[in-house]
């Protein structure tokens, strides 16, 4: 049973169906992307604990795979007690759905280097924290996804708006924000980390990415890191995933600043920046790796086979229908793939698809990235 049926869930369902599994896709709205390829569907809010329990009772899944943040996570512990496997684990999902829990675990319990941060439930607390951290700073809801409610505050005049947006866009019952130091980083990257039941933790080659407003816009693999920096990132990723427990793939995000690696966030599931692996960069894409880890199937090795990059296709208007997609220009390009997510409606800036470009290992990555962005801009007129 998949909880949340967006574009990442859709690719996971495709991987599961290729292995002959039966999948029930759940989301708060009908005809979500993963529902279009699943065997069955259920439409309800994941924050409705009674509806969630009823769906589990109806379908009696062996495995529950959360794909979104807004879930009544305490129910997942109940399901585990019933003998249902929760991916990666109920503990992991409960921690990572809330920025307070995961940040405190990483910084205070595990001693990982993070940005300086404070929490605030009221504007007065928020202003005091901003005075302590200084400007610029970053403001986020404790629970959110895809950059919703995130903003950069450059001066005191922007505090009120930032606080209001973060409180309004937060998901779930948690009405609290996190305000953190702005790190003038050199770069940011994702380390896809695979934890296994009876085998060592393994890693994909690092993925560079660009975000705007906290939301992914492009990614590329491999991202160039020194051996020492990569070793630091792998050590931190293994440490935090081990503490959270469970099997599956994790998107662990980092900053780099003058050679130092700084922990940012992690997701206990396939990562949006990892969609680049759909473009033949690695021998197994992130969704196939997630499935194998969940099922306890062997993963002999992860190999880098091509350089590759991704660029998102964004909606240009608000409408209660899909846009008109034009694939003609994109299909003229060699070593290029387009994945349309199949979202039934659109709003300005919503991710509707992704363009994937790949090349030989000695190809120029900047050229590939420009190609992907150029092609992505032609998909929606």
Protein backbone atom coordinates (compact mmCIF):
# COMPACT_ATOMS: atom_id res chain seq x y z
CA UNK A 1 0.00 0.00 0.00
CA UNK A 2 1.41 3.33 -1.13
CA UNK A 3 0.53 6.37 1.02
CA UNK A 4 0.77 9.33 -1.32
CA UNK A 5 0.60 8.83 -5.08
CA UNK A 6 2.64 11.56 -6.74
CA UNK A 7 5.29 11.27 -9.43
CA UNK A 8 7.79 9.48 -7.20
CA UNK A 9 5.12 7.01 -6.17
CA UNK A 10 4.22 6.43 -9.82
CA UNK A 11 7.75 5.35 -10.71
CA UNK A 12 7.90 3.15 -7.62
CA UNK A 13 4.63 1.45 -8.62
CA UNK A 14 6.04 0.82 -12.11
CA UNK A 15 9.07 -0.88 -10.54
CA UNK A 16 6.82 -2.94 -8.25
CA UNK A 17 4.50 -3.99 -11.10
CA UNK A 18 7.47 -5.13 -13.17
CA UNK A 19 8.25 -7.47 -10.28
CA UNK A 20 4.68 -8.81 -10.24
CA UNK A 21 3.51 -7.14 -7.03
CA UNK A 22 -0.04 -5.97 -6.27
CA UNK A 23 -0.19 -2.29 -5.34
CA UNK A 24 -2.90 -0.15 -3.74
CA UNK A 25 -2.25 3.58 -4.30
CA UNK A 26 -3.73 6.11 -1.84
CA UNK A 27 -3.96 9.89 -2.00
CA UNK A 28 -6.23 12.76 -1.03
CA UNK A 29 -7.43 13.25 -4.64
CA UNK A 30 -8.54 10.86 -7.35
CA UNK A 31 -6.49 9.94 -10.40
CA UNK A 32 -3.17 10.95 -8.82
CA UNK A 33 -0.14 9.82 -10.89
CA UNK A 34 0.58 6.55 -9.06
CA UNK A 35 -3.11 5.57 -9.14
CA UNK A 36 -2.91 5.49 -12.93
CA UNK A 37 -0.55 2.48 -12.85
CA UNK A 38 -1.59 0.74 -9.60
CA UNK A 39 -3.98 -2.19 -9.23
CA UNK A 40 -6.35 -0.44 -6.82
CA UNK A 41 -6.84 3.02 -5.36
CA UNK A 42 -8.21 4.67 -2.24
CA UNK A 43 -9.01 8.39 -1.94
CA UNK A 44 -8.79 9.91 1.55
CA UNK A 45 -6.63 12.27 3.60
CA UNK A 46 -3.61 10.54 5.12
CA UNK A 47 -4.12 12.85 8.12
CA UNK A 48 -7.43 11.11 8.85
CA UNK A 49 -6.25 8.31 11.11
CA UNK A 50 -9.60 6.50 11.00
CA UNK A 51 -9.73 6.53 7.20
CA UNK A 52 -6.14 5.31 7.06
CA UNK A 53 -6.85 2.46 9.47
CA UNK A 54 -9.98 1.54 7.50
CA UNK A 55 -8.01 1.35 4.24
CA UNK A 56 -5.40 -0.88 5.86
CA UNK A 57 -8.10 -3.12 7.33
CA UNK A 58 -9.81 -3.37 3.93
CA UNK A 59 -6.75 -4.29 1.89
CA UNK A 60 -4.54 -5.93 4.55
CA UNK A 61 -1.23 -5.05 2.87
CA UNK A 62 2.01 -6.82 3.72
CA UNK A 63 3.98 -3.62 3.24
CA UNK A 64 3.10 0.09 3.68
CA UNK A 65 5.24 2.58 1.74
CA UNK A 66 4.76 6.25 2.76
CA UNK A 67 5.52 8.70 -0.04
CA UNK A 68 4.41 12.00 1.53
CA UNK A 69 4.97 13.95 4.76
CA UNK A 70 1.37 14.58 5.79
CA UNK A 71 0.48 11.23 7.39
CA UNK A 72 -1.00 10.34 10.76
CA UNK A 73 2.34 8.78 11.65
CA UNK A 74 1.35 7.38 15.05
CA UNK A 75 -0.88 4.91 13.22
CA UNK A 76 2.19 3.45 11.54
CA UNK A 77 3.42 2.11 14.90
CA UNK A 78 0.08 0.33 15.30
CA UNK A 79 0.47 -1.24 11.87
CA UNK A 80 3.96 -2.46 12.70
CA UNK A 81 2.62 -4.10 15.84
CA UNK A 82 0.14 -5.92 13.62
CA UNK A 83 3.06 -7.39 11.66
CA UNK A 84 2.88 -5.03 8.67
CA UNK A 85 6.23 -3.80 7.34
CA UNK A 86 6.41 0.01 7.28
CA UNK A 87 9.07 1.47 4.97
CA UNK A 88 11.73 2.20 6.06
CA UNK A 89 10.20 1.91 9.57
CA UNK A 90 7.54 3.67 11.62
CA UNK A 91 10.31 5.30 13.66
CA UNK A 92 12.02 6.66 10.56
CA UNK A 93 8.82 8.07 9.06
CA UNK A 94 7.77 9.63 12.36
CA UNK A 95 11.13 11.37 12.77
CA UNK A 96 11.57 12.59 9.23
CA UNK A 97 8.04 13.94 8.76
CA UNK A 98 8.91 16.61 11.33
CA UNK A 99 11.91 18.92 10.88
CA UNK A 100 12.24 19.38 14.67
CA UNK A 101 12.70 15.68 15.30
CA UNK A 102 15.16 15.02 12.51
CA UNK A 103 17.20 18.19 13.10
CA UNK A 104 17.50 17.49 16.81
CA UNK A 105 18.49 13.89 16.14
CA UNK A 106 21.17 14.87 13.64
CA UNK A 107 22.60 17.83 15.55
CA UNK A 108 22.10 17.15 19.24
CA UNK A 109 22.13 13.35 19.44
CA UNK A 110 24.42 12.32 16.58
CA UNK A 111 26.65 15.40 16.54
CA UNK A 112 26.39 16.06 12.81
CA UNK A 113 27.31 19.51 11.50
CA UNK A 114 24.12 21.43 10.65
CA UNK A 115 23.10 25.03 10.21
CA UNK A 116 22.31 26.91 13.44
CA UNK A 117 18.54 26.80 14.06
CA UNK A 118 15.65 27.69 16.39
CA UNK A 119 11.94 26.87 16.56
CA UNK A 120 9.05 29.28 17.01
CA UNK A 121 5.31 28.94 17.63
CA UNK A 122 4.61 32.64 18.01
CA UNK A 123 5.83 35.69 16.13
CA UNK A 124 7.54 36.96 19.28
CA UNK A 125 9.59 33.75 19.54
CA UNK A 126 10.27 33.95 15.83
CA UNK A 127 11.58 37.52 16.03
CA UNK A 128 13.86 36.69 18.95
CA UNK A 129 15.29 33.76 17.00
CA UNK A 130 15.88 35.96 13.95
CA UNK A 131 17.73 38.49 16.13
CA UNK A 132 19.94 35.66 17.42
CA UNK A 133 20.68 34.15 13.98
CA UNK A 134 20.90 37.36 11.98
CA UNK A 135 20.14 38.06 8.34
CA UNK A 136 19.77 36.55 5.86
CA UNK A 137 18.07 33.48 7.32
CA UNK A 138 15.86 30.65 6.09
CA UNK A 139 12.30 30.02 7.33
CA UNK A 140 10.42 26.72 6.89
CA UNK A 141 7.32 25.03 8.33
CA UNK A 142 8.17 22.09 10.56
CA UNK A 143 6.17 19.87 8.19
CA UNK A 144 6.03 20.58 4.46
CA UNK A 145 7.22 19.34 1.08
CA UNK A 146 8.39 20.70 -2.28
CA UNK A 147 9.40 24.00 -0.72
CA UNK A 148 5.89 25.00 0.38
CA UNK A 149 6.07 27.80 2.96
CA UNK A 150 9.84 28.17 2.71
CA UNK A 151 11.37 31.61 2.27
CA UNK A 152 14.58 33.57 2.62
CA UNK A 153 14.43 36.59 4.91
CA UNK A 154 16.85 39.40 4.15
CA UNK A 155 15.81 41.98 6.74
CA UNK A 156 13.44 42.64 9.63
CA UNK A 157 10.73 44.04 7.32
CA UNK A 158 10.24 40.59 5.75
CA UNK A 159 9.77 38.68 9.02
CA UNK A 160 6.00 39.03 9.34
CA UNK A 161 5.29 37.77 5.82
CA UNK A 162 7.73 34.87 6.14
CA UNK A 163 6.26 33.75 9.46
CA UNK A 164 2.70 33.93 8.13
CA UNK A 165 3.54 31.92 4.99
CA UNK A 166 5.38 29.23 6.94
CA UNK A 167 2.51 28.83 9.40
CA UNK A 168 -0.12 28.74 6.63
CA UNK A 169 1.73 26.26 4.40
CA UNK A 170 2.69 23.81 7.13
CA UNK A 171 1.22 20.34 6.75
CA UNK A 172 -0.50 18.35 9.44
CA UNK A 173 -1.34 19.48 12.93
CA UNK A 174 2.05 21.02 13.65
CA UNK A 175 1.84 24.83 13.69
CA UNK A 176 5.44 25.72 14.29
CA UNK A 177 8.29 27.00 12.16
CA UNK A 178 12.02 26.48 12.04
CA UNK A 179 14.30 29.44 11.42
CA UNK A 180 17.85 28.61 10.50
CA UNK A 181 21.15 30.18 9.60
CA UNK A 182 21.62 30.87 5.91
CA UNK A 183 24.73 29.03 4.80
CA UNK A 184 26.40 30.73 1.88
CA UNK A 185 27.24 27.32 0.48
CA UNK A 186 29.41 26.49 -2.51
CA UNK A 187 27.05 23.74 -3.64
CA UNK A 188 24.36 21.32 -2.49
CA UNK A 189 23.93 17.66 -3.30
CA UNK A 190 21.93 14.55 -2.53
CA UNK A 191 23.46 11.24 -1.49
CA UNK A 192 20.99 8.43 -2.21
CA UNK A 193 21.63 5.95 0.59
CA UNK A 194 20.33 2.37 0.54
CA UNK A 195 19.90 0.55 3.84
CA UNK A 196 19.48 -3.21 3.60
CA UNK A 197 18.24 -5.92 5.95
CA UNK A 198 21.09 -8.39 5.68
CA UNK A 199 23.72 -6.45 3.76
CA UNK A 200 25.80 -3.27 4.22
CA UNK A 201 24.52 0.24 3.57
CA UNK A 202 25.46 1.32 0.04
CA UNK A 203 25.42 4.62 -1.83
CA UNK A 204 24.65 5.97 -5.28
CA UNK A 205 27.11 8.39 -6.86
CA UNK A 206 26.30 11.87 -5.47
CA UNK A 207 23.73 14.02 -7.26
CA UNK A 208 24.12 17.77 -7.64
CA UNK A 209 20.97 19.85 -7.73
CA UNK A 210 19.54 23.34 -7.94
CA UNK A 211 16.51 24.42 -5.91
CA UNK A 212 14.39 27.55 -6.18
CA UNK A 213 12.16 28.47 -3.27
CA UNK A 214 13.10 25.16 -1.67
CA UNK A 215 11.82 23.15 -4.65
CA UNK A 216 13.97 21.08 -7.00
CA UNK A 217 14.49 22.43 -10.52
CA UNK A 218 17.37 20.42 -11.95
CA UNK A 219 19.78 17.68 -10.91
CA UNK A 220 22.81 15.94 -12.35
CA UNK A 221 24.85 12.82 -11.66
CA UNK A 222 27.66 12.43 -10.83
CA UNK A 223 28.30 15.50 -8.73
CA UNK A 224 32.03 16.08 -8.32
CA UNK A 225 33.24 15.75 -4.73
CA UNK A 226 36.67 15.15 -3.28
CA UNK A 227 37.26 11.68 -1.87
CA UNK A 228 37.46 13.18 1.62
CA UNK A 229 34.17 15.09 1.26
CA UNK A 230 32.39 12.03 -0.13
CA UNK A 231 33.68 9.96 2.78
CA UNK A 232 32.33 12.58 5.23
CA UNK A 233 28.91 12.52 3.55
CA UNK A 234 28.73 8.72 3.51
CA UNK A 235 29.69 8.57 7.18
CA UNK A 236 26.97 11.07 8.16
CA UNK A 237 24.34 9.41 5.95
CA UNK A 238 25.07 5.98 7.37
CA UNK A 239 25.04 7.30 10.92
CA UNK A 240 21.65 9.01 10.68
CA UNK A 241 19.92 6.24 8.68
CA UNK A 242 21.17 3.63 11.13
CA UNK A 243 19.72 5.64 14.01
CA UNK A 244 16.36 5.87 12.24
CA UNK A 245 16.31 2.12 11.38
CA UNK A 246 14.70 0.24 8.51
CA UNK A 247 15.28 -0.74 4.90
CA UNK A 248 14.90 1.30 1.75
CA UNK A 249 16.39 4.25 -0.08
CA UNK A 250 16.92 7.63 1.59
CA UNK A 251 17.55 11.00 -0.01
CA UNK A 252 20.13 12.61 2.26
CA UNK A 253 20.83 16.27 1.43
CA UNK A 254 24.05 18.14 2.15
CA UNK A 255 25.71 21.52 1.62
CA UNK A 256 29.39 22.00 0.92
CA UNK A 257 31.27 25.11 2.03
CA UNK A 258 35.03 25.42 1.49
CA UNK A 259 35.39 21.64 1.49
CA UNK A 260 33.26 21.08 4.61
CA UNK A 261 30.17 18.87 4.29
CA UNK A 262 27.11 20.07 6.23
CA UNK A 263 24.00 17.96 6.82
CA UNK A 264 20.76 19.58 5.63
CA UNK A 265 17.77 17.19 5.50
CA UNK A 266 16.75 13.68 4.56
CA UNK A 267 13.71 11.91 3.17
CA UNK A 268 12.99 8.22 3.94
CA UNK A 269 12.02 7.45 0.34
CA UNK A 270 13.11 8.08 -3.26
CA UNK A 271 14.12 11.68 -3.73
CA UNK A 272 12.92 14.10 -6.41
CA UNK A 273 16.51 14.96 -7.37
CA UNK A 274 17.06 11.22 -7.83
CA UNK A 275 14.74 11.17 -10.84
CA UNK A 276 17.95 11.73 -12.78
CA UNK A 277 18.59 7.99 -12.32
CA UNK A 278 15.67 7.31 -14.68
CA UNK A 279 17.97 8.57 -17.43
CA UNK A 280 20.35 5.60 -17.50
CA UNK A 281 22.92 7.11 -15.14
CA UNK A 282 23.11 4.04 -12.90
CA UNK A 283 22.54 0.34 -13.56
CA UNK A 284 19.52 0.43 -11.21
CA UNK A 285 17.39 3.54 -10.79
CA UNK A 286 16.39 4.79 -7.34
CA UNK A 287 12.94 3.19 -7.50
CA UNK A 288 14.33 -0.24 -8.37
CA UNK A 289 16.85 0.13 -5.53
CA UNK A 290 14.06 1.10 -3.12
CA UNK A 291 12.03 -1.94 -4.12
CA UNK A 292 14.92 -4.37 -3.78
CA UNK A 293 15.84 -3.04 -0.34
CA UNK A 294 12.22 -3.19 0.84
CA UNK A 295 11.78 -6.76 -0.39
CA UNK A 296 15.15 -7.92 0.95
CA UNK A 297 16.34 -8.75 -2.56
CA UNK A 298 20.07 -8.63 -3.44
CA UNK A 299 21.73 -5.49 -4.78
CA UNK A 300 25.08 -6.76 -6.09
CA UNK A 301 26.43 -3.26 -6.77
CA UNK A 302 25.53 0.23 -7.94
CA UNK A 303 27.44 1.28 -11.06
CA UNK A 304 27.67 4.67 -12.76
CA UNK A 305 27.03 3.96 -16.43
CA UNK A 306 26.40 7.41 -17.92
CA UNK A 307 26.56 11.05 -17.02
CA UNK A 308 23.05 12.45 -16.81
CA UNK A 309 20.89 15.35 -15.78
CA UNK A 310 17.25 16.25 -15.24
CA UNK A 311 15.23 19.43 -15.64
CA UNK A 312 11.64 19.84 -14.50
CA UNK A 313 8.68 20.79 -16.67
CA UNK A 314 6.64 23.47 -14.89
CA UNK A 315 3.01 24.49 -15.34
CA UNK A 316 2.56 28.05 -16.58
CA UNK A 317 -0.99 28.74 -15.37
CA UNK A 318 -3.70 27.77 -12.93
CA UNK A 319 -6.22 25.42 -14.55
CA UNK A 320 -8.46 22.49 -13.63
CA UNK A 321 -7.08 20.37 -16.47
CA UNK A 322 -3.76 19.15 -17.80
CA UNK A 323 -1.74 21.41 -20.11
CA UNK A 324 -1.27 20.61 -23.79
CA UNK A 325 2.05 18.78 -23.96
CA UNK A 326 4.32 19.07 -26.98
CA UNK A 327 6.83 16.22 -27.22
CA UNK A 328 7.84 16.71 -30.86
CA UNK A 329 10.90 18.89 -30.27
CA UNK A 330 12.05 16.80 -27.32
CA UNK A 331 11.84 13.56 -29.28
CA UNK A 332 14.16 14.97 -31.95
CA UNK A 333 16.97 14.98 -29.38
CA UNK A 334 19.21 11.93 -29.03
CA UNK A 335 19.77 10.42 -25.57
CA UNK A 336 16.80 12.31 -24.20
CA UNK A 337 13.76 11.02 -22.32
CA UNK A 338 10.60 12.79 -21.17
CA UNK A 339 8.45 11.63 -18.28
CA UNK A 340 5.02 13.25 -17.99
CA UNK A 341 3.62 12.77 -14.49
CA UNK A 342 -0.08 12.77 -15.42
CA UNK A 343 -1.30 15.26 -12.82
CA UNK A 344 -4.97 16.06 -13.54
CA UNK A 345 -4.73 19.82 -12.95
CA UNK A 346 -2.13 22.53 -12.76
CA UNK A 347 -1.07 25.63 -10.90
CA UNK A 348 1.71 28.01 -11.80
CA UNK A 349 5.08 26.45 -11.03
CA UNK A 350 3.73 22.95 -10.37
CA UNK A 351 5.98 20.12 -11.54
CA UNK A 352 4.20 18.37 -14.42
CA UNK A 353 7.05 16.33 -15.86
CA UNK A 354 10.80 15.97 -16.18
CA UNK A 355 13.29 15.88 -19.04
CA UNK A 356 16.25 13.49 -18.74
CA UNK A 357 19.41 13.81 -20.82
CA UNK A 358 22.39 11.50 -20.62
CA UNK A 359 25.75 11.01 -22.27
CA UNK A 360 29.10 9.26 -22.07
CA UNK A 361 31.19 9.51 -18.92
CA UNK A 362 33.62 11.90 -20.65
CA UNK A 363 30.88 14.24 -21.95
CA UNK A 364 30.68 17.80 -20.64
CA UNK A 365 28.11 18.02 -17.84
CA UNK A 366 27.41 21.74 -18.31
CA UNK A 367 26.44 21.08 -21.93
CA UNK A 368 24.10 18.26 -20.85
CA UNK A 369 22.48 20.49 -18.22
CA UNK A 370 21.84 23.29 -20.68
CA UNK A 371 20.34 20.81 -23.13
CA UNK A 372 17.94 19.43 -20.51
CA UNK A 373 16.76 22.90 -19.47
CA UNK A 374 16.34 23.97 -23.10
CA UNK A 375 14.27 20.90 -23.96
CA UNK A 376 12.18 21.16 -20.76
CA UNK A 377 11.17 24.68 -21.77
CA UNK A 378 9.57 23.35 -25.00
CA UNK A 379 7.25 20.74 -23.43
CA UNK A 380 4.46 23.14 -22.42
CA UNK A 381 3.75 25.93 -24.88
